[in-house]
C-alpha atoms as a PDB file:
ATOM      1  CA  MET A   1       0.000   0.000   0.000  1.00  0.00           C
ATOM      2  CA  SER A   2       1.256   3.484  -0.840  1.00  0.00           C
ATOM      3  CA  SER A   3       0.635   6.767   0.984  1.00  0.00           C
ATOM      4  CA  LYS A   4       0.048   8.477  -2.373  1.00  0.00           C
ATOM      5  CA  ASN A   5      -3.286  10.330  -2.410  1.00  0.00           C
ATOM      6  CA  TYR A   6      -3.641  10.163   1.373  1.00  0.00           C
ATOM      7  CA  TYR A   7      -4.125  13.788   2.365  1.00  0.00           C
ATOM      8  CA  VAL A   8      -3.139  14.038   6.031  1.00  0.00           C
ATOM      9  CA  GLY A   9      -2.360  17.150   8.018  1.00  0.00           C
ATOM     10  CA  PRO A  10      -3.480  19.427  10.838  1.00  0.00           C
ATOM     11  CA  HIS A  11      -5.828  22.345  10.896  1.00  0.00           C
ATOM     12  CA  VAL A  12      -3.184  25.063  10.723  1.00  0.00           C
ATOM     13  CA  SER A  13      -3.364  28.702  11.690  1.00  0.00           C
ATOM     14  CA  ALA A  14      -4.062  31.333   9.067  1.00  0.00           C
ATOM     15  CA  ALA A  15      -2.991  34.117  11.425  1.00  0.00           C
ATOM     16  CA  GLY A  16      -1.392  36.939   9.485  1.00  0.00           C
ATOM     17  CA  GLY A  17      -3.079  35.813   6.263  1.00  0.00           C
ATOM     18  CA  ALA A  18      -4.345  32.601   4.679  1.00  0.00           C
ATOM     19  CA  ASP A  19      -1.153  32.451   2.591  1.00  0.00           C
ATOM     20  CA  ASN A  20       0.737  31.421   5.749  1.00  0.00           C
ATOM     21  CA  ALA A  21      -1.259  28.192   6.087  1.00  0.00           C
ATOM     22  CA  PRO A  22       0.185  26.141   3.177  1.00  0.00           C
ATOM     23  CA  MET A  23       3.791  26.697   4.240  1.00  0.00           C
ATOM     24  CA  ALA A  24       2.938  25.925   7.869  1.00  0.00           C
ATOM     25  CA  ALA A  25       1.419  22.606   6.789  1.00  0.00           C
ATOM     26  CA  ALA A  26       4.321  21.770   4.497  1.00  0.00           C
ATOM     27  CA  ALA A  27       6.796  22.369   7.331  1.00  0.00           C
ATOM     28  CA  LEU A  28       5.079  19.558   9.254  1.00  0.00           C
ATOM     29  CA  GLY A  29       5.318  17.068   6.383  1.00  0.00           C
ATOM     30  CA  ALA A  30       1.567  17.294   5.840  1.00  0.00           C
ATOM     31  CA  THR A  31      -0.010  16.051   2.619  1.00  0.00           C
ATOM     32  CA  GLY A  32      -3.238  17.930   3.326  1.00  0.00           C
ATOM     33  CA  PHE A  33      -4.553  20.445   5.847  1.00  0.00           C
ATOM     34  CA  GLY A  34      -7.456  22.480   7.174  1.00  0.00           C
ATOM     35  CA  LEU A  35      -7.769  26.210   7.853  1.00  0.00           C
ATOM     36  CA  PHE A  36     -10.229  29.004   8.525  1.00  0.00           C
ATOM     37  CA  VAL A  37     -10.770  31.495   5.702  1.00  0.00           C
ATOM     38  CA  LYS A  38     -11.864  34.178   8.202  1.00  0.00           C
ATOM     39  CA  ASN A  39     -11.885  34.629  11.965  1.00  0.00           C
ATOM     40  CA  GLN A  40     -13.931  31.701  13.225  1.00  0.00           C
ATOM     41  CA  LYS A  41     -15.342  33.591  16.226  1.00  0.00           C
ATOM     42  CA  GLN A  42     -16.549  36.740  14.480  1.00  0.00           C
ATOM     43  CA  TRP A  43     -19.423  37.362  12.096  1.00  0.00           C
ATOM     44  CA  ARG A  44     -17.664  39.852   9.864  1.00  0.00           C
ATOM     45  CA  ALA A  45     -14.237  40.098   8.292  1.00  0.00           C
ATOM     46  CA  PRO A  46     -12.605  42.485   5.827  1.00  0.00           C
ATOM     47  CA  ASP A  47     -12.988  41.667   2.160  1.00  0.00           C
ATOM     48  CA  VAL A  48     -10.227  39.549   0.682  1.00  0.00           C
ATOM     49  CA  THR A  49      -7.900  41.625  -1.471  1.00  0.00           C
ATOM     50  CA  VAL A  50      -6.471  40.758  -4.847  1.00  0.00           C
ATOM     51  CA  GLU A  51      -3.021  40.725  -3.264  1.00  0.00           C
ATOM     52  CA  GLN A  52      -4.102  38.219  -0.587  1.00  0.00           C
ATOM     53  CA  LEU A  53      -5.567  35.915  -3.224  1.00  0.00           C
ATOM     54  CA  ALA A  54      -2.366  36.090  -5.262  1.00  0.00           C
ATOM     55  CA  ARG A  55      -0.210  35.331  -2.212  1.00  0.00           C
ATOM     56  CA  PHE A  56      -2.381  32.355  -1.268  1.00  0.00           C
ATOM     57  CA  GLY A  57      -2.259  30.927  -4.783  1.00  0.00           C
ATOM     58  CA  ALA A  58       1.509  31.339  -4.882  1.00  0.00           C
ATOM     59  CA  ALA A  59       1.895  29.662  -1.480  1.00  0.00           C
ATOM     60  CA  LEU A  60      -0.227  26.692  -2.586  1.00  0.00           C
ATOM     61  CA  HIS A  61       1.886  26.325  -5.710  1.00  0.00           C
ATOM     62  CA  THR A  62       5.159  26.540  -3.796  1.00  0.00           C
ATOM     63  CA  ALA A  63       4.039  24.028  -1.169  1.00  0.00           C
ATOM     64  CA  GLY A  64       2.598  21.694  -3.817  1.00  0.00           C
ATOM     65  CA  TYR A  65      -1.008  21.504  -2.608  1.00  0.00           C
ATOM     66  CA  THR A  66      -4.208  21.388  -4.642  1.00  0.00           C
ATOM     67  CA  ALA A  67      -7.739  22.223  -3.508  1.00  0.00           C
ATOM     68  CA  ALA A  68      -8.517  18.502  -3.197  1.00  0.00           C
ATOM     69  CA  GLN A  69      -6.076  18.290  -0.273  1.00  0.00           C
ATOM     70  CA  ILE A  70      -7.634  21.117   1.730  1.00  0.00           C
ATOM     71  CA  LEU A  71     -10.761  21.178   3.892  1.00  0.00           C
ATOM     72  CA  PRO A  72     -11.540  24.692   5.167  1.00  0.00           C
ATOM     73  CA  HIS A  73     -13.701  24.966   8.281  1.00  0.00           C
ATOM     74  CA  ALA A  74     -16.509  27.508   8.631  1.00  0.00           C
ATOM     75  CA  GLY A  75     -16.874  29.776  11.644  1.00  0.00           C
ATOM     76  CA  TYR A  76     -18.226  28.387  14.900  1.00  0.00           C
ATOM     77  CA  LEU A  77     -20.997  30.972  15.216  1.00  0.00           C
ATOM     78  CA  ILE A  78     -22.994  29.627  12.271  1.00  0.00           C
ATOM     79  CA  ASN A  79     -26.167  27.782  13.295  1.00  0.00           C
ATOM     80  CA  LEU A  80     -28.327  26.855  10.326  1.00  0.00           C
ATOM     81  CA  ALA A  81     -30.988  25.357  12.616  1.00  0.00           C
ATOM     82  CA  ASN A  82     -31.506  28.508  14.684  1.00  0.00           C
ATOM     83  CA  PRO A  83     -35.278  29.087  14.983  1.00  0.00           C
ATOM     84  CA  ASP A  84     -34.874  32.847  15.497  1.00  0.00           C
ATOM     85  CA  PRO A  85     -35.335  34.505  12.078  1.00  0.00           C
ATOM     86  CA  GLU A  86     -32.785  37.270  12.625  1.00  0.00           C
ATOM     87  CA  ALA A  87     -30.137  34.963  14.073  1.00  0.00           C
ATOM     88  CA  HIS A  88     -30.763  32.420  11.330  1.00  0.00           C
ATOM     89  CA  ALA A  89     -30.391  35.059   8.615  1.00  0.00           C
ATOM     90  CA  ARG A  90     -27.063  36.105  10.127  1.00  0.00           C
ATOM     91  CA  SER A  91     -25.861  32.486  10.083  1.00  0.00           C
ATOM     92  CA  LEU A  92     -26.959  31.912   6.497  1.00  0.00           C
ATOM     93  CA  GLY A  93     -25.345  35.148   5.375  1.00  0.00           C
ATOM     94  CA  SER A  94     -22.103  34.194   7.080  1.00  0.00           C
ATOM     95  CA  LEU A  95     -22.094  30.777   5.416  1.00  0.00           C
ATOM     96  CA  ILE A  96     -22.639  32.327   1.984  1.00  0.00           C
ATOM     97  CA  ASP A  97     -19.855  34.836   2.630  1.00  0.00           C
ATOM     98  CA  GLU A  98     -17.430  32.078   3.614  1.00  0.00           C
ATOM     99  CA  MET A  99     -18.345  29.988   0.579  1.00  0.00           C
ATOM    100  CA  LYS A 100     -17.618  32.974  -1.653  1.00  0.00           C
ATOM    101  CA  ARG A 101     -14.283  33.463   0.116  1.00  0.00           C
ATOM    102  CA  CYS A 102     -13.422  29.815  -0.518  1.00  0.00           C
ATOM    103  CA  GLN A 103     -14.279  30.201  -4.193  1.00  0.00           C
ATOM    104  CA  ALA A 104     -12.086  33.306  -4.423  1.00  0.00           C
ATOM    105  CA  PHE A 105      -9.190  31.376  -2.872  1.00  0.00           C
ATOM    106  CA  GLY A 106      -9.691  28.537  -5.364  1.00  0.00           C
ATOM    107  CA  LEU A 107     -10.923  26.125  -2.684  1.00  0.00           C
ATOM    108  CA  THR A 108     -13.732  23.702  -3.454  1.00  0.00           C
ATOM    109  CA  MET A 109     -15.212  22.716  -0.070  1.00  0.00           C
ATOM    110  CA  LEU A 110     -16.353  24.292   3.193  1.00  0.00           C
ATOM    111  CA  ASN A 111     -16.907  22.162   6.291  1.00  0.00           C
ATOM    112  CA  LEU A 112     -19.405  23.195   8.956  1.00  0.00           C
ATOM    113  CA  HIS A 113     -21.367  21.876  11.900  1.00  0.00           C
ATOM    114  CA  PRO A 114     -25.088  21.524  11.124  1.00  0.00           C
ATOM    115  CA  GLY A 115     -26.113  23.542  14.177  1.00  0.00           C
ATOM    116  CA  SER A 116     -28.383  23.166  17.192  1.00  0.00           C
ATOM    117  CA  HIS A 117     -32.145  23.241  17.577  1.00  0.00           C
ATOM    118  CA  LEU A 118     -31.557  25.042  20.908  1.00  0.00           C
ATOM    119  CA  ARG A 119     -34.301  22.839  22.334  1.00  0.00           C
ATOM    120  CA  LYS A 120     -36.869  25.057  20.584  1.00  0.00           C
ATOM    121  CA  LEU A 121     -37.546  22.857  17.535  1.00  0.00           C
ATOM    122  CA  SER A 122     -38.070  19.165  17.023  1.00  0.00           C
ATOM    123  CA  VAL A 123     -35.125  17.321  15.529  1.00  0.00           C
ATOM    124  CA  GLU A 124     -37.011  16.784  12.267  1.00  0.00           C
ATOM    125  CA  ALA A 125     -37.985  20.441  11.969  1.00  0.00           C
ATOM    126  CA  ALA A 126     -34.412  21.479  12.711  1.00  0.00           C
ATOM    127  CA  LEU A 127     -33.017  19.093  10.085  1.00  0.00           C
ATOM    128  CA  ASP A 128     -35.469  20.562   7.567  1.00  0.00           C
ATOM    129  CA  ARG A 129     -34.229  24.039   8.472  1.00  0.00           C
ATOM    130  CA  VAL A 130     -30.601  23.002   7.932  1.00  0.00           C
ATOM    131  CA  ALA A 131     -31.332  21.395   4.561  1.00  0.00           C
ATOM    132  CA  ASP A 132     -33.332  24.428   3.417  1.00  0.00           C
ATOM    133  CA  SER A 133     -30.442  26.673   4.465  1.00  0.00           C
ATOM    134  CA  VAL A 134     -27.975  24.579   2.500  1.00  0.00           C
ATOM    135  CA  ASN A 135     -30.242  24.757  -0.557  1.00  0.00           C
ATOM    136  CA  ARG A 136     -30.341  28.533  -0.287  1.00  0.00           C
ATOM    137  CA  ALA A 137     -26.564  28.804   0.190  1.00  0.00           C
ATOM    138  CA  LEU A 138     -25.879  26.584  -2.819  1.00  0.00           C
ATOM    139  CA  ALA A 139     -28.291  28.605  -4.953  1.00  0.00           C
ATOM    140  CA  ASP A 140     -26.482  31.837  -4.048  1.00  0.00           C
ATOM    141  CA  THR A 141     -22.953  30.531  -4.691  1.00  0.00           C
ATOM    142  CA  ALA A 142     -21.022  28.467  -7.215  1.00  0.00           C
ATOM    143  CA  GLU A 143     -18.461  25.663  -7.266  1.00  0.00           C
ATOM    144  CA  VAL A 144     -17.907  25.272  -3.501  1.00  0.00           C
ATOM    145  CA  ALA A 145     -19.437  22.203  -1.825  1.00  0.00           C
ATOM    146  CA  VAL A 146     -20.972  22.302   1.646  1.00  0.00           C
ATOM    147  CA  VAL A 147     -19.471  19.552   3.827  1.00  0.00           C
ATOM    148  CA  ILE A 148     -21.514  18.818   6.958  1.00  0.00           C
ATOM    149  CA  GLU A 149     -19.845  17.313  10.012  1.00  0.00           C
ATOM    150  CA  ASN A 150     -21.173  14.836  12.569  1.00  0.00           C
ATOM    151  CA  THR A 151     -21.298  16.132  16.135  1.00  0.00           C
ATOM    152  CA  ALA A 152     -20.876  14.863  19.679  1.00  0.00           C
ATOM    153  CA  GLY A 153     -24.501  15.773  20.391  1.00  0.00           C
ATOM    154  CA  GLN A 154     -24.059  18.196  23.247  1.00  0.00           C
ATOM    155  CA  GLY A 155     -26.365  21.186  23.626  1.00  0.00           C
ATOM    156  CA  GLY A 156     -29.009  20.041  21.178  1.00  0.00           C
ATOM    157  CA  CYS A 157     -26.536  19.758  18.300  1.00  0.00           C
ATOM    158  CA  LEU A 158     -27.761  17.994  15.193  1.00  0.00           C
ATOM    159  CA  GLY A 159     -25.775  15.343  13.337  1.00  0.00           C
ATOM    160  CA  VAL A 160     -25.251  13.165  16.379  1.00  0.00           C
ATOM    161  CA  THR A 161     -26.315  10.126  14.348  1.00  0.00           C
ATOM    162  CA  LEU A 162     -25.434   9.201  10.811  1.00  0.00           C
ATOM    163  CA  ALA A 163     -29.155   8.797  10.155  1.00  0.00           C
ATOM    164  CA  GLU A 164     -29.604  12.522  10.894  1.00  0.00           C
ATOM    165  CA  LEU A 165     -26.909  13.331   8.332  1.00  0.00           C
ATOM    166  CA  GLY A 166     -28.734  11.075   5.904  1.00  0.00           C
ATOM    167  CA  ARG A 167     -31.978  12.964   6.425  1.00  0.00           C
ATOM    168  CA  ILE A 168     -30.224  16.238   5.603  1.00  0.00           C
ATOM    169  CA  ARG A 169     -28.771  14.629   2.480  1.00  0.00           C
ATOM    170  CA  GLU A 170     -32.204  13.507   1.298  1.00  0.00           C
ATOM    171  CA  ARG A 171     -33.521  17.076   1.454  1.00  0.00           C
ATOM    172  CA  VAL A 172     -30.672  18.873  -0.316  1.00  0.00           C
ATOM    173  CA  GLU A 173     -31.410  19.499  -3.988  1.00  0.00           C
ATOM    174  CA  ASP A 174     -27.921  19.876  -5.530  1.00  0.00           C
ATOM    175  CA  GLN A 175     -26.178  16.819  -4.167  1.00  0.00           C
ATOM    176  CA  SER A 176     -23.203  17.324  -6.467  1.00  0.00           C
ATOM    177  CA  ARG A 177     -22.162  20.103  -4.075  1.00  0.00           C
ATOM    178  CA  LEU A 178     -22.947  18.289  -0.835  1.00  0.00           C
ATOM    179  CA  GLY A 179     -20.658  16.153   1.266  1.00  0.00           C
ATOM    180  CA  PHE A 180     -20.000  15.051   4.818  1.00  0.00           C
ATOM    181  CA  CYS A 181     -17.064  14.948   7.210  1.00  0.00           C
ATOM    182  CA  LEU A 182     -16.719  12.373   9.985  1.00  0.00           C
ATOM    183  CA  ASP A 183     -14.981  13.393  13.203  1.00  0.00           C
ATOM    184  CA  THR A 184     -13.720  10.418  15.209  1.00  0.00           C
ATOM    185  CA  CYS A 185     -13.855  12.217  18.577  1.00  0.00           C
ATOM    186  CA  HIS A 186     -17.434  13.280  17.919  1.00  0.00           C
ATOM    187  CA  ALA A 187     -18.338   9.771  16.793  1.00  0.00           C
ATOM    188  CA  LEU A 188     -17.146   8.128  20.021  1.00  0.00           C
ATOM    189  CA  ALA A 189     -18.855  10.790  22.123  1.00  0.00           C
ATOM    190  CA  ALA A 190     -22.072  10.179  20.171  1.00  0.00           C
ATOM    191  CA  GLY A 191     -21.977   6.440  20.897  1.00  0.00           C
ATOM    192  CA  TYR A 192     -20.151   4.961  17.894  1.00  0.00           C
ATOM    193  CA  ASP A 193     -17.555   2.550  19.249  1.00  0.00           C
ATOM    194  CA  VAL A 194     -14.507   3.384  17.151  1.00  0.00           C
ATOM    195  CA  ARG A 195     -11.999   2.086  19.696  1.00  0.00           C
ATOM    196  CA  THR A 196     -10.977  -0.735  17.330  1.00  0.00           C
ATOM    197  CA  GLY A 197     -10.185  -1.004  13.657  1.00  0.00           C
ATOM    198  CA  ASP A 198     -13.364  -3.006  13.164  1.00  0.00           C
ATOM    199  CA  GLY A 199     -15.284  -0.240  14.920  1.00  0.00           C
ATOM    200  CA  MET A 200     -13.911   2.365  12.543  1.00  0.00           C
ATOM    201  CA  ARG A 201     -14.866   0.219   9.561  1.00  0.00           C
ATOM    202  CA  ARG A 202     -18.358  -0.355  10.965  1.00  0.00           C
ATOM    203  CA  MET A 203     -18.821   3.409  11.256  1.00  0.00           C
ATOM    204  CA  LEU A 204     -17.908   3.840   7.593  1.00  0.00           C
ATOM    205  CA  ASP A 205     -20.210   0.949   6.664  1.00  0.00           C
ATOM    206  CA  GLU A 206     -23.068   2.632   8.527  1.00  0.00           C
ATOM    207  CA  PHE A 207     -22.248   5.927   6.818  1.00  0.00           C
ATOM    208  CA  GLU A 208     -22.747   4.219   3.461  1.00  0.00           C
ATOM    209  CA  ARG A 209     -26.053   2.716   4.597  1.00  0.00           C
ATOM    210  CA  GLU A 210     -27.471   5.869   6.166  1.00  0.00           C
ATOM    211  CA  VAL A 211     -25.962   8.634   4.024  1.00  0.00           C
ATOM    212  CA  GLY A 212     -24.738   7.139   0.764  1.00  0.00           C
ATOM    213  CA  PRO A 213     -21.649   5.852  -1.038  1.00  0.00           C
ATOM    214  CA  ALA A 214     -18.439   7.081   0.565  1.00  0.00           C
ATOM    215  CA  ASP A 215     -16.849   7.780  -2.806  1.00  0.00           C
ATOM    216  CA  ARG A 216     -19.607  10.325  -3.447  1.00  0.00           C
ATOM    217  CA  TYR A 217     -20.485  11.790  -0.061  1.00  0.00           C
ATOM    218  CA  LEU A 218     -17.488  11.333   2.265  1.00  0.00           C
ATOM    219  CA  ARG A 219     -15.496  14.483   1.500  1.00  0.00           C
ATOM    220  CA  GLY A 220     -13.203  14.522   4.534  1.00  0.00           C
ATOM    221  CA  MET A 221     -12.504  13.317   8.051  1.00  0.00           C
ATOM    222  CA  HIS A 222     -11.274  14.841  11.281  1.00  0.00           C
ATOM    223  CA  LEU A 223      -8.885  12.454  13.009  1.00  0.00           C
ATOM    224  CA  ASN A 224      -8.996  13.174  16.727  1.00  0.00           C
ATOM    225  CA  ASP A 225      -8.587  11.101  19.855  1.00  0.00           C
ATOM    226  CA  THR A 226     -10.870  11.989  22.749  1.00  0.00           C
ATOM    227  CA  GLN A 227     -10.619  12.623  26.458  1.00  0.00           C
ATOM    228  CA  ASN A 228     -14.111  11.317  27.194  1.00  0.00           C
ATOM    229  CA  ASP A 229     -15.828   7.956  27.201  1.00  0.00           C
ATOM    230  CA  LEU A 230     -18.085   6.267  24.683  1.00  0.00           C
ATOM    231  CA  GLY A 231     -21.467   7.985  24.561  1.00  0.00           C
ATOM    232  CA  SER A 232     -20.418  10.896  26.777  1.00  0.00           C
ATOM    233  CA  ARG A 233     -21.870  13.530  24.390  1.00  0.00           C
ATOM    234  CA  VAL A 234     -18.844  15.689  25.337  1.00  0.00           C
ATOM    235  CA  ASP A 235     -16.511  17.079  22.651  1.00  0.00           C
ATOM    236  CA  ARG A 236     -12.976  17.106  24.096  1.00  0.00           C
ATOM    237  CA  HIS A 237     -10.188  16.334  21.628  1.00  0.00           C
ATOM    238  CA  ALA A 238      -6.976  14.563  22.632  1.00  0.00           C
ATOM    239  CA  SER A 239      -3.712  13.932  20.812  1.00  0.00           C
ATOM    240  CA  LEU A 240      -3.719  10.750  18.753  1.00  0.00           C
ATOM    241  CA  GLY A 241      -2.955   7.683  20.842  1.00  0.00           C
ATOM    242  CA  THR A 242      -3.330   9.482  24.168  1.00  0.00           C
ATOM    243  CA  GLY A 243      -7.096   9.224  24.648  1.00  0.00           C
ATOM    244  CA  ARG A 244      -9.931   6.705  24.698  1.00  0.00           C
ATOM    245  CA  ILE A 245      -9.481   5.647  21.060  1.00  0.00           C
ATOM    246  CA  GLY A 246      -5.741   4.844  20.936  1.00  0.00           C
ATOM    247  CA  TRP A 247      -3.457   4.512  17.926  1.00  0.00           C
ATOM    248  CA  GLU A 248      -4.485   1.249  16.296  1.00  0.00           C
ATOM    249  CA  PRO A 249      -7.969   2.333  15.139  1.00  0.00           C
ATOM    250  CA  PHE A 250      -6.414   5.295  13.319  1.00  0.00           C
ATOM    251  CA  ARG A 251      -3.873   3.053  11.600  1.00  0.00           C
ATOM    252  CA  ALA A 252      -6.708   0.739  10.533  1.00  0.00           C
ATOM    253  CA  LEU A 253      -8.707   3.728   9.283  1.00  0.00           C
ATOM    254  CA  MET A 254      -5.781   4.828   7.142  1.00  0.00           C
ATOM    255  CA  ARG A 255      -5.759   1.422   5.466  1.00  0.00           C
ATOM    256  CA  ASP A 256      -9.425   1.710   4.471  1.00  0.00           C
ATOM    257  CA  PRO A 257      -9.601   2.731   0.784  1.00  0.00           C
ATOM    258  CA  ARG A 258     -12.607   4.945   1.546  1.00  0.00           C
ATOM    259  CA  CYS A 259     -10.199   7.368   3.245  1.00  0.00           C
ATOM    260  CA  ARG A 260      -8.055   7.813   0.174  1.00  0.00           C
ATOM    261  CA  GLY A 261      -8.237  11.029  -1.830  1.00  0.00           C
ATOM    262  CA  ILE A 262      -9.999  13.106   0.846  1.00  0.00           C
ATOM    263  CA  PRO A 263      -8.535  15.504   3.430  1.00  0.00           C
ATOM    264  CA  LEU A 264      -7.852  13.758   6.753  1.00  0.00           C
ATOM    265  CA  VAL A 265      -7.496  16.709   9.084  1.00  0.00           C
ATOM    266  CA  ILE A 266      -5.951  16.481  12.543  1.00  0.00           C
ATOM    267  CA  GLU A 267      -7.516  18.827  15.117  1.00  0.00           C
ATOM    268  CA  THR A 268      -5.583  17.653  18.162  1.00  0.00           C
ATOM    269  CA  PRO A 269      -4.635  20.118  20.917  1.00  0.00           C
ATOM    270  CA  ASP A 270      -0.827  19.742  21.124  1.00  0.00           C
ATOM    271  CA  GLU A 271       0.808  21.417  18.124  1.00  0.00           C
ATOM    272  CA  ASP A 272       4.182  19.986  19.113  1.00  0.00           C
ATOM    273  CA  ARG A 273       2.827  16.505  18.298  1.00  0.00           C
ATOM    274  CA  TRP A 274       1.422  17.355  14.870  1.00  0.00           C
ATOM    275  CA  ALA A 275       4.473  16.400  12.806  1.00  0.00           C
ATOM    276  CA  GLY A 276       4.716  13.061  14.598  1.00  0.00           C
ATOM    277  CA  GLU A 277       1.004  12.401  14.185  1.00  0.00           C
ATOM    278  CA  VAL A 278       1.204  13.110  10.459  1.00  0.00           C
ATOM    279  CA  ALA A 279       4.242  10.843  10.082  1.00  0.00           C
ATOM    280  CA  ALA A 280       2.661   8.000  12.033  1.00  0.00           C
ATOM    281  CA  LEU A 281      -0.563   8.122  10.030  1.00  0.00           C
ATOM    282  CA  LEU A 282       1.250   8.154   6.699  1.00  0.00           C
ATOM    283  CA  ALA A 283       3.505   5.318   7.870  1.00  0.00           C
ATOM    284  CA  ALA A 284       0.392   3.140   8.189  1.00  0.00           C
ATOM    285  CA  VAL A 285      -0.012   3.250   4.391  1.00  0.00           C
ATOM    286  CA  SER A 286       3.639   3.436   3.339  1.00  0.00           C
END
């Protein structure tokens, strides 16, 4: 087995400009990476300049990355299920803005959490609201795919089950620009036992049953160990091999062909371990 077309790397900082992210990832030996295209904790950001776009494109070229190796993450404030009309409009507007930023940067995907019903809507009504929001965002943008992530399930968050992701998928009209990202920490917290290689494979099997073929809908993964137990509904990332999942399930995941050709983004808390985590994951398929 070869590590070719396995796109592994951390979510790197874009502080000082998005053009810093590709070189930061390359310095860690990463073959892929994640980043924010604007401040993830603010609604607004200055418009991207022509100079910033040129610098980012040049940095990608120098570091040798293509858009297929990169999974940008949307801001944390976005909640497409918010039942409050004003708050929902702000979330939808922010998503559309970030998708347009991705397109300007030459990126083809934007990952986001589906949001929370805030215990004010039924799960089904909230899933409908998310799918409708995605339809509206896709209609107002071009080229960039929305990639929805599973969640740990705390605070009324949607996407705690793969079946919920499947229900969103059924209701989105342009499925050519829809995908999903599986986070291993979130999966364990939500009750999916991924503490073995077989457990990881069963999760991917269930994804294909509940959502659809991985080669069409699985657009990325977040590879994170977790500090909390199975079914805890608590999202607390840990460095790979140091938490409840351990190293072997990640090595087994790397050997699954469904993980080839998509960004496998590390969101672990200790930056000093990132280079070693990247190397160990790629070694599993070398």
